[in-house]
């Protein structure tokens, strides 16, 4: 019997709506765990996650039967709802409309894991937009500043 075997590793990042600093550090472990559950449900294991008060990074192994857009819709919709239900102060929580996704090879996993784990320190000197611009240049992706941050 033939089988289909894949390993599609993705570095995904997205921010809160308007890059508002609304993810309290105390919430991060539960939020990341919740998002990990969404990814597992979709057969796309979350291998690493980290971020700051205004954005997150994920390392995901995308399932062979799942479109990236479907995974991201589920992650952002369900986690946003979960955050909003936590308390009244979070009732306006939301993610940016889009996301940034980059494929990586197995040889880049350890470096990316370290990068994700070091987000708070990294962002003492680099803001989110500059970080994403650097990734877009690195991966040769053209973008329009008017629409990239929506």
Protein backbone atom coordinates (compact mmCIF):
# COMPACT_ATOMS: atom_id res chain seq x y z
CA UNK A 1 0.00 0.00 0.00
CA UNK A 2 1.31 3.47 -0.90
CA UNK A 3 1.65 6.09 1.77
CA UNK A 4 2.11 9.83 1.83
CA UNK A 5 4.80 11.08 4.17
CA UNK A 6 5.48 14.77 4.68
CA UNK A 7 7.27 17.13 7.01
CA UNK A 8 6.38 20.74 6.37
CA UNK A 9 7.90 22.95 9.06
CA UNK A 10 6.62 26.50 9.29
CA UNK A 11 7.60 29.59 11.24
CA UNK A 12 4.42 31.58 11.78
CA UNK A 13 4.07 34.95 13.40
CA UNK A 14 1.18 37.35 13.92
CA UNK A 15 0.36 40.24 16.18
CA UNK A 16 -2.50 41.44 18.26
CA UNK A 17 -4.93 43.85 16.61
CA UNK A 18 -3.14 47.20 16.13
CA UNK A 19 -0.12 45.61 17.85
CA UNK A 20 -1.66 46.49 21.21
CA UNK A 21 0.33 45.12 24.16
CA UNK A 22 -2.56 43.06 25.54
CA UNK A 23 -1.07 39.61 26.18
CA UNK A 24 -0.08 39.57 29.86
CA UNK A 25 3.01 37.49 30.58
CA UNK A 26 1.05 35.50 33.16
CA UNK A 27 -1.40 34.41 30.43
CA UNK A 28 1.25 33.21 27.97
CA UNK A 29 1.67 29.61 29.24
CA UNK A 30 -2.08 28.95 29.17
CA UNK A 31 -2.53 30.72 25.83
CA UNK A 32 0.32 28.77 24.24
CA UNK A 33 -1.03 25.53 25.66
CA UNK A 34 -4.49 26.32 24.31
CA UNK A 35 -3.08 27.10 20.86
CA UNK A 36 -1.08 23.86 21.05
CA UNK A 37 -4.35 22.01 21.57
CA UNK A 38 -5.86 23.63 18.49
CA UNK A 39 -2.82 22.61 16.46
CA UNK A 40 -2.99 19.02 17.77
CA UNK A 41 -6.69 18.84 16.94
CA UNK A 42 -5.78 19.77 13.37
CA UNK A 43 -2.97 17.21 13.21
CA UNK A 44 -0.32 19.95 13.04
CA UNK A 45 1.82 19.74 16.17
CA UNK A 46 3.01 22.98 17.75
CA UNK A 47 6.74 22.44 18.27
CA UNK A 48 7.58 25.79 19.88
CA UNK A 49 5.81 29.03 20.74
CA UNK A 50 6.81 32.32 22.29
CA UNK A 51 6.28 36.00 21.98
CA UNK A 52 5.70 39.29 23.69
CA UNK A 53 2.70 41.32 24.81
CA UNK A 54 1.86 42.23 21.19
CA UNK A 55 2.76 39.25 19.01
CA UNK A 56 3.57 35.55 18.92
CA UNK A 57 5.80 33.16 16.98
CA UNK A 58 5.00 29.52 16.33
CA UNK A 59 6.97 26.59 14.95
CA UNK A 60 4.46 24.13 13.51
CA UNK A 61 4.68 20.86 11.62
CA UNK A 62 1.81 21.25 9.16
CA UNK A 63 -0.37 18.17 8.59
CA UNK A 64 -0.44 16.81 5.05
CA UNK A 65 -4.21 17.29 4.87
CA UNK A 66 -4.45 20.82 6.32
CA UNK A 67 -4.16 24.10 4.44
CA UNK A 68 -2.13 26.71 6.27
CA UNK A 69 -4.96 29.21 5.91
CA UNK A 70 -7.35 26.78 7.65
CA UNK A 71 -4.91 26.17 10.50
CA UNK A 72 -4.39 29.89 11.03
CA UNK A 73 -8.12 30.64 10.90
CA UNK A 74 -8.75 28.04 13.62
CA UNK A 75 -5.82 29.16 15.77
CA UNK A 76 -6.67 32.84 15.64
CA UNK A 77 -10.46 32.49 15.88
CA UNK A 78 -10.50 29.95 18.70
CA UNK A 79 -7.70 31.49 20.75
CA UNK A 80 -9.23 34.96 20.42
CA UNK A 81 -12.53 33.64 21.70
CA UNK A 82 -10.74 31.85 24.55
CA UNK A 83 -8.90 35.03 25.61
CA UNK A 84 -12.10 37.11 25.47
CA UNK A 85 -13.87 34.64 27.76
CA UNK A 86 -11.11 34.82 30.40
CA UNK A 87 -12.22 38.12 31.94
CA UNK A 88 -14.00 41.40 31.17
CA UNK A 89 -10.70 43.25 30.64
CA UNK A 90 -9.99 41.03 27.62
CA UNK A 91 -13.37 41.29 25.93
CA UNK A 92 -11.94 43.43 23.09
CA UNK A 93 -8.97 41.14 22.43
CA UNK A 94 -8.22 40.30 18.83
CA UNK A 95 -5.46 39.27 16.45
CA UNK A 96 -4.36 41.15 13.33
CA UNK A 97 -6.23 40.03 10.21
CA UNK A 98 -3.22 38.46 8.53
CA UNK A 99 -0.15 36.48 9.49
CA UNK A 100 3.36 35.84 8.25
CA UNK A 101 4.47 32.32 7.39
CA UNK A 102 7.86 31.01 6.35
CA UNK A 103 8.98 27.47 5.59
CA UNK A 104 12.10 26.23 7.28
CA UNK A 105 14.25 23.16 6.88
CA UNK A 106 15.00 20.62 9.61
CA UNK A 107 18.50 22.09 9.92
CA UNK A 108 16.97 25.41 11.05
CA UNK A 109 14.76 24.04 13.82
CA UNK A 110 17.21 24.43 16.74
CA UNK A 111 18.07 28.00 15.76
CA UNK A 112 14.39 28.90 15.37
CA UNK A 113 13.50 27.32 18.72
CA UNK A 114 16.17 29.45 20.41
CA UNK A 115 14.98 32.55 18.54
CA UNK A 116 11.39 31.97 19.65
CA UNK A 117 12.44 31.35 23.26
CA UNK A 118 14.41 34.62 23.28
CA UNK A 119 11.61 36.91 22.05
CA UNK A 120 11.37 39.16 25.11
CA UNK A 121 15.09 39.90 25.10
CA UNK A 122 15.17 40.27 21.30
CA UNK A 123 12.40 42.86 21.37
CA UNK A 124 14.19 45.14 23.79
CA UNK A 125 16.09 46.35 20.71
CA UNK A 126 14.02 45.34 17.65
CA UNK A 127 10.36 46.18 17.11
CA UNK A 128 7.86 43.79 15.53
CA UNK A 129 7.63 45.58 12.18
CA UNK A 130 11.41 45.68 11.73
CA UNK A 131 11.59 42.00 12.70
CA UNK A 132 9.00 41.03 10.08
CA UNK A 133 10.57 43.24 7.41
CA UNK A 134 13.87 41.39 7.98
CA UNK A 135 12.12 38.03 7.50
CA UNK A 136 10.36 39.26 4.37
CA UNK A 137 13.68 40.39 2.90
CA UNK A 138 15.40 37.14 3.95
CA UNK A 139 12.76 35.03 2.21
CA UNK A 140 12.48 37.30 -0.86
CA UNK A 141 8.85 38.20 -0.27
CA UNK A 142 7.51 41.41 -1.79
CA UNK A 143 5.10 43.37 0.38
CA UNK A 144 3.16 46.61 0.50
CA UNK A 145 3.52 48.53 3.76
CA UNK A 146 -0.06 49.77 3.44
CA UNK A 147 -1.43 46.25 3.87
CA UNK A 148 1.21 44.28 5.77
CA UNK A 149 0.17 45.40 9.24
CA UNK A 150 -3.61 45.10 9.03
